[in-house]
PDB file of all heavy atoms in Angstrom:
ATOM      1  N   THR A   1     196.672  72.705  34.161  1.00  0.00           N
ATOM      2  CA  THR A   1     198.096  72.996  33.963  1.00  0.00           C
ATOM      3  C   THR A   1     198.666  72.332  32.713  1.00  0.00           C
ATOM      4  O   THR A   1     199.695  72.762  32.187  1.00  0.00           O
ATOM      5  CB  THR A   1     198.904  72.524  35.183  1.00  0.00           C
ATOM      6  OG1 THR A   1     198.809  71.089  35.292  1.00  0.00           O
ATOM      7  CG2 THR A   1     198.382  73.155  36.462  1.00  0.00           C
ATOM      8  N   GLY A   2     197.986  71.281  32.245  1.00  0.00           N
ATOM      9  CA  GLY A   2     198.470  70.563  31.074  1.00  0.00           C
ATOM     10  C   GLY A   2     199.593  69.601  31.370  1.00  0.00           C
ATOM     11  O   GLY A   2     200.169  69.004  30.447  1.00  0.00           O
ATOM     12  N   SER A   3     199.918  69.416  32.622  1.00  0.00           N
ATOM     13  CA  SER A   3     201.007  68.519  32.990  1.00  0.00           C
ATOM     14  C   SER A   3     200.476  67.259  33.641  1.00  0.00           C
ATOM     15  O   SER A   3     199.334  67.203  34.108  1.00  0.00           O
ATOM     16  CB  SER A   3     201.973  69.225  33.964  1.00  0.00           C
ATOM     17  OG  SER A   3     201.285  69.608  35.150  1.00  0.00           O
ATOM     18  N   ALA A   4     201.309  66.222  33.665  1.00  0.00           N
ATOM     19  CA  ALA A   4     200.915  64.951  34.271  1.00  0.00           C
ATOM     20  C   ALA A   4     200.928  65.081  35.785  1.00  0.00           C
ATOM     21  O   ALA A   4     201.920  65.522  36.374  1.00  0.00           O
ATOM     22  CB  ALA A   4     201.852  63.844  33.823  1.00  0.00           C
ATOM     23  N   SER A   5     199.813  64.716  36.404  1.00  0.00           N
ATOM     24  CA  SER A   5     199.727  64.782  37.856  1.00  0.00           C
ATOM     25  C   SER A   5     199.885  63.414  38.502  1.00  0.00           C
ATOM     26  O   SER A   5     200.109  63.311  39.700  1.00  0.00           O
ATOM     27  CB  SER A   5     198.396  65.402  38.284  1.00  0.00           C
ATOM     28  OG  SER A   5     197.303  64.640  37.785  1.00  0.00           O
ATOM     29  N   TYR A   6     199.764  62.368  37.675  1.00  0.00           N
ATOM     30  CA  TYR A   6     199.882  61.012  38.224  1.00  0.00           C
ATOM     31  C   TYR A   6     200.100  60.042  37.061  1.00  0.00           C
ATOM     32  O   TYR A   6     199.610  60.268  35.939  1.00  0.00           O
ATOM     33  CB  TYR A   6     198.620  60.638  38.998  1.00  0.00           C
ATOM     34  CG  TYR A   6     198.645  59.248  39.594  1.00  0.00           C
ATOM     35  CD1 TYR A   6     199.401  58.955  40.735  1.00  0.00           C
ATOM     36  CD2 TYR A   6     197.941  58.206  39.010  1.00  0.00           C
ATOM     37  CE1 TYR A   6     199.442  57.679  41.272  1.00  0.00           C
ATOM     38  CE2 TYR A   6     197.959  56.931  39.537  1.00  0.00           C
ATOM     39  CZ  TYR A   6     198.719  56.680  40.665  1.00  0.00           C
ATOM     40  OH  TYR A   6     198.771  55.402  41.194  1.00  0.00           O
ATOM     41  N   LYS A   7     200.808  58.974  37.313  1.00  0.00           N
ATOM     42  CA  LYS A   7     201.020  57.932  36.321  1.00  0.00           C
ATOM     43  C   LYS A   7     200.362  56.648  36.786  1.00  0.00           C
ATOM     44  O   LYS A   7     200.778  56.044  37.770  1.00  0.00           O
ATOM     45  CB  LYS A   7     202.510  57.692  36.084  1.00  0.00           C
ATOM     46  CG  LYS A   7     202.801  56.765  34.906  1.00  0.00           C
ATOM     47  CD  LYS A   7     204.270  56.727  34.564  1.00  0.00           C
ATOM     48  CE  LYS A   7     204.516  55.872  33.324  1.00  0.00           C
ATOM     49  NZ  LYS A   7     205.951  55.857  32.952  1.00  0.00           N
ATOM     50  N   LYS A   8     199.315  56.269  36.079  1.00  0.00           N
ATOM     51  CA  LYS A   8     198.565  55.064  36.439  1.00  0.00           C
ATOM     52  C   LYS A   8     199.364  53.816  36.077  1.00  0.00           C
ATOM     53  O   LYS A   8     199.894  53.707  34.968  1.00  0.00           O
ATOM     54  CB  LYS A   8     197.210  55.030  35.716  1.00  0.00           C
ATOM     55  CG  LYS A   8     196.330  53.851  36.110  1.00  0.00           C
ATOM     56  CD  LYS A   8     194.983  53.904  35.419  1.00  0.00           C
ATOM     57  CE  LYS A   8     195.058  53.436  33.990  1.00  0.00           C
ATOM     58  NZ  LYS A   8     195.360  51.982  33.864  1.00  0.00           N
ATOM     59  N   LYS A   9     199.442  52.884  37.025  1.00  0.00           N
ATOM     60  CA  LYS A   9     200.194  51.650  36.815  1.00  0.00           C
ATOM     61  C   LYS A   9     199.326  50.611  36.112  1.00  0.00           C
ATOM     62  O   LYS A   9     198.102  50.736  36.028  1.00  0.00           O
ATOM     63  CB  LYS A   9     200.691  51.107  38.161  1.00  0.00           C
ATOM     64  CG  LYS A   9     201.588  52.076  38.913  1.00  0.00           C
ATOM     65  CD  LYS A   9     201.990  51.498  40.260  1.00  0.00           C
ATOM     66  CE  LYS A   9     202.895  52.464  41.014  1.00  0.00           C
ATOM     67  NZ  LYS A   9     202.202  53.735  41.340  1.00  0.00           N
ATOM     68  N   LYS A  10     199.972  49.540  35.619  1.00  0.00           N
ATOM     69  CA  LYS A  10     199.263  48.509  34.861  1.00  0.00           C
ATOM     70  C   LYS A  10     198.197  47.805  35.687  1.00  0.00           C
ATOM     71  O   LYS A  10     197.183  47.356  35.157  1.00  0.00           O
ATOM     72  CB  LYS A  10     200.253  47.474  34.308  1.00  0.00           C
ATOM     73  CG  LYS A  10     201.155  48.004  33.201  1.00  0.00           C
ATOM     74  CD  LYS A  10     202.147  46.951  32.742  1.00  0.00           C
ATOM     75  CE  LYS A  10     201.452  45.766  32.114  1.00  0.00           C
ATOM     76  NZ  LYS A  10     202.419  44.783  31.554  1.00  0.00           N
ATOM     77  N   ASN A  11     198.419  47.685  36.986  1.00  0.00           N
ATOM     78  CA  ASN A  11     197.452  46.966  37.828  1.00  0.00           C
ATOM     79  C   ASN A  11     196.439  47.902  38.484  1.00  0.00           C
ATOM     80  O   ASN A  11     195.737  47.506  39.412  1.00  0.00           O
ATOM     81  CB  ASN A  11     198.187  46.159  38.896  1.00  0.00           C
ATOM     82  CG  ASN A  11     198.980  47.046  39.858  1.00  0.00           C
ATOM     83  OD1 ASN A  11     199.229  48.213  39.562  1.00  0.00           O
ATOM     84  ND2 ASN A  11     199.374  46.483  40.988  1.00  0.00           N
ATOM     85  N   GLU A  12     196.357  49.147  38.012  1.00  0.00           N
ATOM     86  CA  GLU A  12     195.403  50.109  38.546  1.00  0.00           C
ATOM     87  C   GLU A  12     194.327  50.409  37.507  1.00  0.00           C
ATOM     88  O   GLU A  12     194.551  50.264  36.299  1.00  0.00           O
ATOM     89  CB  GLU A  12     196.109  51.401  38.967  1.00  0.00           C
ATOM     90  CG  GLU A  12     197.060  51.217  40.143  1.00  0.00           C
ATOM     91  CD  GLU A  12     197.770  52.502  40.519  1.00  0.00           C
ATOM     92  OE1 GLU A  12     198.003  53.338  39.624  1.00  0.00           O
ATOM     93  OE2 GLU A  12     198.094  52.671  41.720  1.00  0.00           O
ATOM     94  N   THR A  13     193.183  50.850  37.983  1.00  0.00           N
ATOM     95  CA  THR A  13     192.075  51.170  37.092  1.00  0.00           C
ATOM     96  C   THR A  13     191.360  52.419  37.583  1.00  0.00           C
ATOM     97  O   THR A  13     191.430  52.759  38.777  1.00  0.00           O
ATOM     98  CB  THR A  13     191.070  49.998  37.007  1.00  0.00           C
ATOM     99  OG1 THR A  13     190.055  50.311  36.047  1.00  0.00           O
ATOM    100  CG2 THR A  13     190.415  49.720  38.349  1.00  0.00           C
ATOM    101  N   ASP A  14     190.708  53.090  36.659  1.00  0.00           N
ATOM    102  CA  ASP A  14     189.936  54.295  36.966  1.00  0.00           C
ATOM    103  C   ASP A  14     188.472  54.005  36.634  1.00  0.00           C
ATOM    104  O   ASP A  14     188.010  54.286  35.528  1.00  0.00           O
ATOM    105  CB  ASP A  14     190.465  55.469  36.144  1.00  0.00           C
ATOM    106  CG  ASP A  14     189.701  56.762  36.417  1.00  0.00           C
ATOM    107  OD1 ASP A  14     189.080  56.862  37.498  1.00  0.00           O
ATOM    108  OD2 ASP A  14     189.712  57.654  35.538  1.00  0.00           O
ATOM    109  N   PRO A  15     187.727  53.422  37.581  1.00  0.00           N
ATOM    110  CA  PRO A  15     186.368  52.950  37.270  1.00  0.00           C
ATOM    111  C   PRO A  15     185.360  54.085  37.081  1.00  0.00           C
ATOM    112  O   PRO A  15     185.484  55.153  37.679  1.00  0.00           O
ATOM    113  CB  PRO A  15     186.005  52.099  38.487  1.00  0.00           C
ATOM    114  CG  PRO A  15     186.823  52.670  39.594  1.00  0.00           C
ATOM    115  CD  PRO A  15     188.108  53.133  38.969  1.00  0.00           C
ATOM    116  N   THR A  16     184.374  53.805  36.236  1.00  0.00           N
ATOM    117  CA  THR A  16     183.269  54.734  35.981  1.00  0.00           C
ATOM    118  C   THR A  16     181.976  54.101  36.486  1.00  0.00           C
ATOM    119  O   THR A  16     181.724  52.916  36.225  1.00  0.00           O
ATOM    120  CB  THR A  16     183.131  55.017  34.473  1.00  0.00           C
ATOM    121  OG1 THR A  16     184.341  55.631  34.014  1.00  0.00           O
ATOM    122  CG2 THR A  16     181.963  55.940  34.188  1.00  0.00           C
ATOM    123  N   PRO A  17     181.143  54.865  37.203  1.00  0.00           N
ATOM    124  CA  PRO A  17     179.885  54.297  37.711  1.00  0.00           C
ATOM    125  C   PRO A  17     178.769  54.357  36.658  1.00  0.00           C
ATOM    126  O   PRO A  17     178.597  55.357  35.959  1.00  0.00           O
ATOM    127  CB  PRO A  17     179.564  55.197  38.904  1.00  0.00           C
ATOM    128  CG  PRO A  17     180.164  56.525  38.540  1.00  0.00           C
ATOM    129  CD  PRO A  17     181.394  56.222  37.730  1.00  0.00           C
ATOM    130  N   PHE A  18     178.014  53.273  36.544  1.00  0.00           N
ATOM    131  CA  PHE A  18     176.863  53.183  35.648  1.00  0.00           C
ATOM    132  C   PHE A  18     175.647  52.772  36.484  1.00  0.00           C
ATOM    133  O   PHE A  18     175.658  51.716  37.121  1.00  0.00           O
ATOM    134  CB  PHE A  18     177.096  52.154  34.546  1.00  0.00           C
ATOM    135  CG  PHE A  18     178.214  52.483  33.603  1.00  0.00           C
ATOM    136  CD1 PHE A  18     179.530  52.138  33.909  1.00  0.00           C
ATOM    137  CD2 PHE A  18     177.967  53.133  32.406  1.00  0.00           C
ATOM    138  CE1 PHE A  18     180.576  52.428  33.050  1.00  0.00           C
ATOM    139  CE2 PHE A  18     179.004  53.433  31.529  1.00  0.00           C
ATOM    140  CZ  PHE A  18     180.303  53.081  31.857  1.00  0.00           C
ATOM    141  N   TYR A  19     174.603  53.573  36.460  1.00  0.00           N
ATOM    142  CA  TYR A  19     173.403  53.296  37.245  1.00  0.00           C
ATOM    143  C   TYR A  19     172.524  52.271  36.528  1.00  0.00           C
ATOM    144  O   TYR A  19     172.503  52.194  35.286  1.00  0.00           O
ATOM    145  CB  TYR A  19     172.614  54.589  37.465  1.00  0.00           C
ATOM    146  CG  TYR A  19     171.365  54.442  38.306  1.00  0.00           C
ATOM    147  CD1 TYR A  19     171.445  54.231  39.675  1.00  0.00           C
ATOM    148  CD2 TYR A  19     170.101  54.517  37.722  1.00  0.00           C
ATOM    149  CE1 TYR A  19     170.310  54.092  40.451  1.00  0.00           C
ATOM    150  CE2 TYR A  19     168.960  54.387  38.488  1.00  0.00           C
ATOM    151  CZ  TYR A  19     169.063  54.174  39.847  1.00  0.00           C
ATOM    152  OH  TYR A  19     167.931  54.034  40.617  1.00  0.00           O
ATOM    153  N   PHE A  20     171.775  51.478  37.296  1.00  0.00           N
ATOM    154  CA  PHE A  20     170.847  50.517  36.702  1.00  0.00           C
ATOM    155  C   PHE A  20     169.626  50.332  37.590  1.00  0.00           C
ATOM    156  O   PHE A  20     169.666  50.567  38.805  1.00  0.00           O
ATOM    157  CB  PHE A  20     171.524  49.160  36.465  1.00  0.00           C
ATOM    158  CG  PHE A  20     171.740  48.347  37.721  1.00  0.00           C
ATOM    159  CD1 PHE A  20     170.813  47.394  38.111  1.00  0.00           C
ATOM    160  CD2 PHE A  20     172.866  48.548  38.510  1.00  0.00           C
ATOM    161  CE1 PHE A  20     170.998  46.649  39.274  1.00  0.00           C
ATOM    162  CE2 PHE A  20     173.063  47.805  39.661  1.00  0.00           C
ATOM    163  CZ  PHE A  20     172.132  46.862  40.052  1.00  0.00           C
ATOM    164  N   GLN A  21     168.529  49.916  36.980  1.00  0.00           N
ATOM    165  CA  GLN A  21     167.310  49.486  37.680  1.00  0.00           C
ATOM    166  C   GLN A  21     166.848  48.180  37.055  1.00  0.00           C
ATOM    167  O   GLN A  21     166.817  48.040  35.835  1.00  0.00           O
ATOM    168  CB  GLN A  21     166.193  50.526  37.572  1.00  0.00           C
ATOM    169  CG  GLN A  21     166.325  51.707  38.488  1.00  0.00           C
ATOM    170  CD  GLN A  21     165.078  52.595  38.468  1.00  0.00           C
ATOM    171  OE1 GLN A  21     164.030  52.232  37.924  1.00  0.00           O
ATOM    172  NE2 GLN A  21     165.181  53.764  39.076  1.00  0.00           N
ATOM    173  N   LEU A  22     166.476  47.241  37.910  1.00  0.00           N
ATOM    174  CA  LEU A  22     165.986  45.936  37.473  1.00  0.00           C
ATOM    175  C   LEU A  22     164.665  45.664  38.178  1.00  0.00           C
ATOM    176  O   LEU A  22     164.617  45.568  39.399  1.00  0.00           O
ATOM    177  CB  LEU A  22     167.013  44.857  37.811  1.00  0.00           C
ATOM    178  CG  LEU A  22     166.662  43.396  37.501  1.00  0.00           C
ATOM    179  CD1 LEU A  22     166.354  43.214  36.023  1.00  0.00           C
ATOM    180  CD2 LEU A  22     167.808  42.476  37.925  1.00  0.00           C
ATOM    181  N   HIS A  23     163.574  45.568  37.410  1.00  0.00           N
ATOM    182  CA  HIS A  23     162.232  45.381  37.964  1.00  0.00           C
ATOM    183  C   HIS A  23     161.737  43.980  37.625  1.00  0.00           C
ATOM    184  O   HIS A  23     161.641  43.612  36.449  1.00  0.00           O
ATOM    185  CB  HIS A  23     161.274  46.435  37.403  1.00  0.00           C
ATOM    186  CG  HIS A  23     161.612  47.830  37.836  1.00  0.00           C
ATOM    187  ND1 HIS A  23     160.897  48.504  38.805  1.00  0.00           N
ATOM    188  CD2 HIS A  23     162.595  48.672  37.443  1.00  0.00           C
ATOM    189  CE1 HIS A  23     161.427  49.703  38.982  1.00  0.00           C
ATOM    190  NE2 HIS A  23     162.458  49.828  38.169  1.00  0.00           N
ATOM    191  N   LEU A  24     161.397  43.205  38.662  1.00  0.00           N
ATOM    192  CA  LEU A  24     161.002  41.807  38.499  1.00  0.00           C
ATOM    193  C   LEU A  24     159.721  41.532  39.285  1.00  0.00           C
ATOM    194  O   LEU A  24     159.749  40.866  40.328  1.00  0.00           O
ATOM    195  CB  LEU A  24     162.127  40.888  38.977  1.00  0.00           C
ATOM    196  CG  LEU A  24     163.487  41.091  38.294  1.00  0.00           C
ATOM    197  CD1 LEU A  24     164.585  40.387  39.083  1.00  0.00           C
ATOM    198  CD2 LEU A  24     163.441  40.589  36.860  1.00  0.00           C
ATOM    199  N   PRO A  25     158.565  42.011  38.820  1.00  0.00           N
ATOM    200  CA  PRO A  25     157.305  41.814  39.551  1.00  0.00           C
ATOM    201  C   PRO A  25     156.999  40.332  39.734  1.00  0.00           C
ATOM    202  O   PRO A  25     157.119  39.538  38.798  1.00  0.00           O
ATOM    203  CB  PRO A  25     156.263  42.483  38.643  1.00  0.00           C
ATOM    204  CG  PRO A  25     157.044  43.392  37.753  1.00  0.00           C
ATOM    205  CD  PRO A  25     158.371  42.743  37.562  1.00  0.00           C
ATOM    206  N   SER A  26     156.578  39.959  40.931  1.00  0.00           N
ATOM    207  CA  SER A  26     156.426  38.540  41.264  1.00  0.00           C
ATOM    208  C   SER A  26     155.338  37.843  40.453  1.00  0.00           C
ATOM    209  O   SER A  26     155.413  36.637  40.236  1.00  0.00           O
ATOM    210  CB  SER A  26     156.139  38.384  42.761  1.00  0.00           C
ATOM    211  OG  SER A  26     154.900  38.990  43.102  1.00  0.00           O
ATOM    212  N   LYS A  27     154.323  38.595  39.987  1.00  0.00           N
ATOM    213  CA  LYS A  27     153.219  37.973  39.263  1.00  0.00           C
ATOM    214  C   LYS A  27     153.417  37.983  37.747  1.00  0.00           C
ATOM    215  O   LYS A  27     152.542  37.556  37.000  1.00  0.00           O
ATOM    216  CB  LYS A  27     151.903  38.678  39.612  1.00  0.00           C
ATOM    217  CG  LYS A  27     151.500  38.519  41.073  1.00  0.00           C
ATOM    218  CD  LYS A  27     150.167  39.186  41.348  1.00  0.00           C
ATOM    219  CE  LYS A  27     149.760  39.021  42.816  1.00  0.00           C
ATOM    220  NZ  LYS A  27     148.456  39.669  43.101  1.00  0.00           N
ATOM    221  N   GLU A  28     154.563  38.490  37.292  1.00  0.00           N
ATOM    222  CA  GLU A  28     154.836  38.583  35.863  1.00  0.00           C
ATOM    223  C   GLU A  28     155.883  37.556  35.438  1.00  0.00           C
ATOM    224  O   GLU A  28     156.628  37.009  36.275  1.00  0.00           O
ATOM    225  CB  GLU A  28     155.341  39.989  35.510  1.00  0.00           C
ATOM    226  CG  GLU A  28     154.313  41.093  35.736  1.00  0.00           C
ATOM    227  CD  GLU A  28     153.238  41.107  34.669  1.00  0.00           C
ATOM    228  OE1 GLU A  28     153.440  40.483  33.595  1.00  0.00           O
ATOM    229  OE2 GLU A  28     152.198  41.737  34.888  1.00  0.00           O
ATOM    230  N   ASP A  29     155.956  37.304  34.132  1.00  0.00           N
ATOM    231  CA  ASP A  29     157.008  36.437  33.602  1.00  0.00           C
ATOM    232  C   ASP A  29     157.961  37.221  32.704  1.00  0.00           C
ATOM    233  O   ASP A  29     158.776  36.638  31.988  1.00  0.00           O
ATOM    234  CB  ASP A  29     156.421  35.238  32.849  1.00  0.00           C
ATOM    235  CG  ASP A  29     155.553  35.642  31.661  1.00  0.00           C
ATOM    236  OD1 ASP A  29     155.522  36.845  31.314  1.00  0.00           O
ATOM    237  OD2 ASP A  29     154.892  34.766  31.086  1.00  0.00           O
ATOM    238  N   ARG A  30     157.848  38.551  32.732  1.00  0.00           N
ATOM    239  CA  ARG A  30     158.776  39.442  32.038  1.00  0.00           C
ATOM    240  C   ARG A  30     159.078  40.625  32.951  1.00  0.00           C
ATOM    241  O   ARG A  30     158.172  41.193  33.555  1.00  0.00           O
ATOM    242  CB  ARG A  30     158.192  39.958  30.724  1.00  0.00           C
ATOM    243  CG  ARG A  30     158.006  38.890  29.635  1.00  0.00           C
ATOM    244  CD  ARG A  30     157.292  39.469  28.433  1.00  0.00           C
ATOM    245  NE  ARG A  30     155.982  39.983  28.804  1.00  0.00           N
ATOM    246  CZ  ARG A  30     155.356  40.969  28.164  1.00  0.00           C
ATOM    247  NH1 ARG A  30     155.929  41.570  27.147  1.00  0.00           N
ATOM    248  NH2 ARG A  30     154.167  41.355  28.564  1.00  0.00           N
ATOM    249  N   GLY A  31     160.348  40.977  33.050  1.00  0.00           N
ATOM    250  CA  GLY A  31     160.756  42.129  33.831  1.00  0.00           C
ATOM    251  C   GLY A  31     161.473  43.124  32.943  1.00  0.00           C
ATOM    252  O   GLY A  31     161.646  42.899  31.739  1.00  0.00           O
ATOM    253  N   ILE A  32     161.913  44.238  33.519  1.00  0.00           N
ATOM    254  CA  ILE A  32     162.576  45.287  32.745  1.00  0.00           C
ATOM    255  C   ILE A  32     163.901  45.658  33.412  1.00  0.00           C
ATOM    256  O   ILE A  32     163.950  45.904  34.617  1.00  0.00           O
ATOM    257  CB  ILE A  32     161.689  46.537  32.625  1.00  0.00           C
ATOM    258  CG1 ILE A  32     160.402  46.191  31.876  1.00  0.00           C
ATOM    259  CG2 ILE A  32     162.431  47.663  31.900  1.00  0.00           C
ATOM    260  CD1 ILE A  32     159.424  47.347  31.770  1.00  0.00           C
ATOM    261  N   LEU A  33     164.947  45.689  32.611  1.00  0.00           N
ATOM    262  CA  LEU A  33     166.272  46.138  33.039  1.00  0.00           C
ATOM    263  C   LEU A  33     166.593  47.426  32.312  1.00  0.00           C
ATOM    264  O   LEU A  33     166.535  47.479  31.079  1.00  0.00           O
ATOM    265  CB  LEU A  33     167.329  45.079  32.714  1.00  0.00           C
ATOM    266  CG  LEU A  33     168.792  45.496  32.890  1.00  0.00           C
ATOM    267  CD1 LEU A  33     169.108  45.790  34.347  1.00  0.00           C
ATOM    268  CD2 LEU A  33     169.734  44.423  32.331  1.00  0.00           C
ATOM    269  N   CYS A  34     166.936  48.474  33.049  1.00  0.00           N
ATOM    270  CA  CYS A  34     167.289  49.764  32.464  1.00  0.00           C
ATOM    271  C   CYS A  34     168.702  50.109  32.934  1.00  0.00           C
ATOM    272  O   CYS A  34     168.979  50.095  34.137  1.00  0.00           O
ATOM    273  CB  CYS A  34     166.291  50.837  32.900  1.00  0.00           C
ATOM    274  SG  CYS A  34     166.367  52.371  31.934  1.00  0.00           S
ATOM    275  N   MET A  35     169.600  50.415  31.982  1.00  0.00           N
ATOM    276  CA  MET A  35     171.001  50.617  32.304  1.00  0.00           C
ATOM    277  C   MET A  35     171.522  51.927  31.720  1.00  0.00           C
ATOM    278  O   MET A  35     171.182  52.298  30.584  1.00  0.00           O
ATOM    279  CB  MET A  35     171.847  49.449  31.771  1.00  0.00           C
ATOM    280  CG  MET A  35     171.328  48.083  32.155  1.00  0.00           C
ATOM    281  SD  MET A  35     172.577  46.798  31.994  1.00  0.00           S
ATOM    282  CE  MET A  35     173.554  47.112  33.445  1.00  0.00           C
ATOM    283  N   GLN A  36     172.358  52.607  32.481  1.00  0.00           N
ATOM    284  CA  GLN A  36     172.930  53.873  32.052  1.00  0.00           C
ATOM    285  C   GLN A  36     174.040  53.665  31.032  1.00  0.00           C
ATOM    286  O   GLN A  36     174.761  52.667  31.057  1.00  0.00           O
ATOM    287  CB  GLN A  36     173.494  54.634  33.257  1.00  0.00           C
ATOM    288  CG  GLN A  36     174.070  55.999  32.919  1.00  0.00           C
ATOM    289  CD  GLN A  36     174.803  56.634  34.088  1.00  0.00           C
ATOM    290  OE1 GLN A  36     174.793  56.093  35.196  1.00  0.00           O
ATOM    291  NE2 GLN A  36     175.451  57.754  33.860  1.00  0.00           N
ATOM    292  N   LYS A  37     174.185  54.649  30.127  1.00  0.00           N
ATOM    293  CA  LYS A  37     175.296  54.682  29.189  1.00  0.00           C
ATOM    294  C   LYS A  37     176.006  56.020  29.304  1.00  0.00           C
ATOM    295  O   LYS A  37     175.389  57.043  29.601  1.00  0.00           O
ATOM    296  CB  LYS A  37     174.815  54.485  27.751  1.00  0.00           C
ATOM    297  CG  LYS A  37     174.285  53.097  27.437  1.00  0.00           C
ATOM    298  CD  LYS A  37     174.197  52.869  25.948  1.00  0.00           C
ATOM    299  CE  LYS A  37     175.561  52.821  25.306  1.00  0.00           C
ATOM    300  NZ  LYS A  37     175.506  52.514  23.854  1.00  0.00           N
ATOM    301  N   TRP A  38     177.304  56.007  29.079  1.00  0.00           N
ATOM    302  CA  TRP A  38     178.107  57.226  28.963  1.00  0.00           C
ATOM    303  C   TRP A  38     178.612  57.283  27.536  1.00  0.00           C
ATOM    304  O   TRP A  38     179.460  56.494  27.142  1.00  0.00           O
ATOM    305  CB  TRP A  38     179.287  57.201  29.921  1.00  0.00           C
ATOM    306  CG  TRP A  38     179.006  57.625  31.318  1.00  0.00           C
ATOM    307  CD1 TRP A  38     179.081  56.883  32.450  1.00  0.00           C
ATOM    308  CD2 TRP A  38     178.621  58.941  31.748  1.00  0.00           C
ATOM    309  NE1 TRP A  38     178.763  57.628  33.555  1.00  0.00           N
ATOM    310  CE2 TRP A  38     178.485  58.904  33.152  1.00  0.00           C
ATOM    311  CE3 TRP A  38     178.378  60.154  31.083  1.00  0.00           C
ATOM    312  CZ2 TRP A  38     178.104  60.011  33.903  1.00  0.00           C
ATOM    313  CZ3 TRP A  38     178.005  61.262  31.827  1.00  0.00           C
ATOM    314  CH2 TRP A  38     177.881  61.190  33.222  1.00  0.00           C
ATOM    315  N   GLY A  39     178.073  58.191  26.726  1.00  0.00           N
ATOM    316  CA  GLY A  39     178.461  58.211  25.327  1.00  0.00           C
ATOM    317  C   GLY A  39     178.157  56.872  24.683  1.00  0.00           C
ATOM    318  O   GLY A  39     177.022  56.411  24.688  1.00  0.00           O
ATOM    319  N   LEU A  40     179.184  56.217  24.148  1.00  0.00           N
ATOM    320  CA  LEU A  40     179.018  54.895  23.547  1.00  0.00           C
ATOM    321  C   LEU A  40     179.344  53.770  24.530  1.00  0.00           C
ATOM    322  O   LEU A  40     179.259  52.589  24.183  1.00  0.00           O
ATOM    323  CB  LEU A  40     179.921  54.755  22.304  1.00  0.00           C
ATOM    324  CG  LEU A  40     179.627  55.738  21.160  1.00  0.00           C
ATOM    325  CD1 LEU A  40     180.635  55.531  20.029  1.00  0.00           C
ATOM    326  CD2 LEU A  40     178.203  55.576  20.641  1.00  0.00           C
ATOM    327  N   SER A  41     179.726  54.131  25.751  1.00  0.00           N
ATOM    328  CA  SER A  41     180.144  53.130  26.729  1.00  0.00           C
ATOM    329  C   SER A  41     178.983  52.691  27.617  1.00  0.00           C
ATOM    330  O   SER A  41     178.175  53.519  28.044  1.00  0.00           O
ATOM    331  CB  SER A  41     181.265  53.692  27.610  1.00  0.00           C
ATOM    332  OG  SER A  41     182.391  54.046  26.831  1.00  0.00           O
ATOM    333  N   GLY A  42     178.926  51.408  27.890  1.00  0.00           N
ATOM    334  CA  GLY A  42     177.905  50.864  28.777  1.00  0.00           C
ATOM    335  C   GLY A  42     178.384  49.560  29.394  1.00  0.00           C
ATOM    336  O   GLY A  42     179.487  49.081  29.097  1.00  0.00           O
ATOM    337  N   VAL A  43     177.544  48.988  30.239  1.00  0.00           N
ATOM    338  CA  VAL A  43     177.939  47.762  30.953  1.00  0.00           C
ATOM    339  C   VAL A  43     176.922  46.641  30.762  1.00  0.00           C
ATOM    340  O   VAL A  43     176.921  45.672  31.508  1.00  0.00           O
ATOM    341  CB  VAL A  43     178.123  48.044  32.461  1.00  0.00           C
ATOM    342  CG1 VAL A  43     179.352  48.891  32.706  1.00  0.00           C
ATOM    343  CG2 VAL A  43     176.885  48.712  33.055  1.00  0.00           C
ATOM    344  N   LYS A  44     176.070  46.774  29.762  1.00  0.00           N
ATOM    345  CA  LYS A  44     175.034  45.760  29.578  1.00  0.00           C
ATOM    346  C   LYS A  44     175.624  44.378  29.320  1.00  0.00           C
ATOM    347  O   LYS A  44     175.205  43.380  29.917  1.00  0.00           O
ATOM    348  CB  LYS A  44     174.111  46.167  28.430  1.00  0.00           C
ATOM    349  CG  LYS A  44     172.915  45.244  28.230  1.00  0.00           C
ATOM    350  CD  LYS A  44     173.128  44.217  27.149  1.00  0.00           C
ATOM    351  CE  LYS A  44     171.909  43.362  26.913  1.00  0.00           C
ATOM    352  NZ  LYS A  44     172.092  42.408  25.796  1.00  0.00           N
ATOM    353  N   SER A  45     176.605  44.293  28.417  1.00  0.00           N
ATOM    354  CA  SER A  45     177.205  42.992  28.094  1.00  0.00           C
ATOM    355  C   SER A  45     177.875  42.376  29.310  1.00  0.00           C
ATOM    356  O   SER A  45     177.734  41.176  29.580  1.00  0.00           O
ATOM    357  CB  SER A  45     178.214  43.137  26.950  1.00  0.00           C
ATOM    358  OG  SER A  45     177.570  43.535  25.762  1.00  0.00           O
ATOM    359  N   LEU A  46     178.608  43.197  30.065  1.00  0.00           N
ATOM    360  CA  LEU A  46     179.269  42.698  31.268  1.00  0.00           C
ATOM    361  C   LEU A  46     178.241  42.208  32.281  1.00  0.00           C
ATOM    362  O   LEU A  46     178.368  41.111  32.831  1.00  0.00           O
ATOM    363  CB  LEU A  46     180.142  43.796  31.876  1.00  0.00           C
ATOM    364  CG  LEU A  46     180.915  43.433  33.152  1.00  0.00           C
ATOM    365  CD1 LEU A  46     182.256  44.150  33.176  1.00  0.00           C
ATOM    366  CD2 LEU A  46     180.130  43.804  34.413  1.00  0.00           C
ATOM    367  N   PHE A  47     177.214  43.016  32.517  1.00  0.00           N
ATOM    368  CA  PHE A  47     176.182  42.650  33.489  1.00  0.00           C
ATOM    369  C   PHE A  47     175.495  41.350  33.069  1.00  0.00           C
ATOM    370  O   PHE A  47     175.286  40.444  33.874  1.00  0.00           O
ATOM    371  CB  PHE A  47     175.173  43.783  33.607  1.00  0.00           C
ATOM    372  CG  PHE A  47     174.100  43.544  34.641  1.00  0.00           C
ATOM    373  CD1 PHE A  47     174.329  43.853  35.978  1.00  0.00           C
ATOM    374  CD2 PHE A  47     172.862  43.028  34.287  1.00  0.00           C
ATOM    375  CE1 PHE A  47     173.344  43.638  36.931  1.00  0.00           C
ATOM    376  CE2 PHE A  47     171.878  42.805  35.228  1.00  0.00           C
ATOM    377  CZ  PHE A  47     172.118  43.118  36.560  1.00  0.00           C
ATOM    378  N   GLN A  48     175.127  41.259  31.791  1.00  0.00           N
ATOM    379  CA  GLN A  48     174.434  40.070  31.302  1.00  0.00           C
ATOM    380  C   GLN A  48     175.306  38.827  31.437  1.00  0.00           C
ATOM    381  O   GLN A  48     174.838  37.776  31.893  1.00  0.00           O
ATOM    382  CB  GLN A  48     174.039  40.266  29.839  1.00  0.00           C
ATOM    383  CG  GLN A  48     173.311  39.070  29.244  1.00  0.00           C
ATOM    384  CD  GLN A  48     172.790  39.358  27.845  1.00  0.00           C
ATOM    385  OE1 GLN A  48     172.902  40.473  27.343  1.00  0.00           O
ATOM    386  NE2 GLN A  48     172.220  38.363  27.210  1.00  0.00           N
TER     387      GLN A  48
END
């Protein structure tokens, strides 16, 4: 419709889900973290 259906308030947020996998084999000293990105957006820095 091109019209406003809702006005988000300052204390509200519209979260986006980002998938991740973290592999930590017990016999290894290095694991792998794989994280989803949406365009240029990601959550690696926040997660870390």
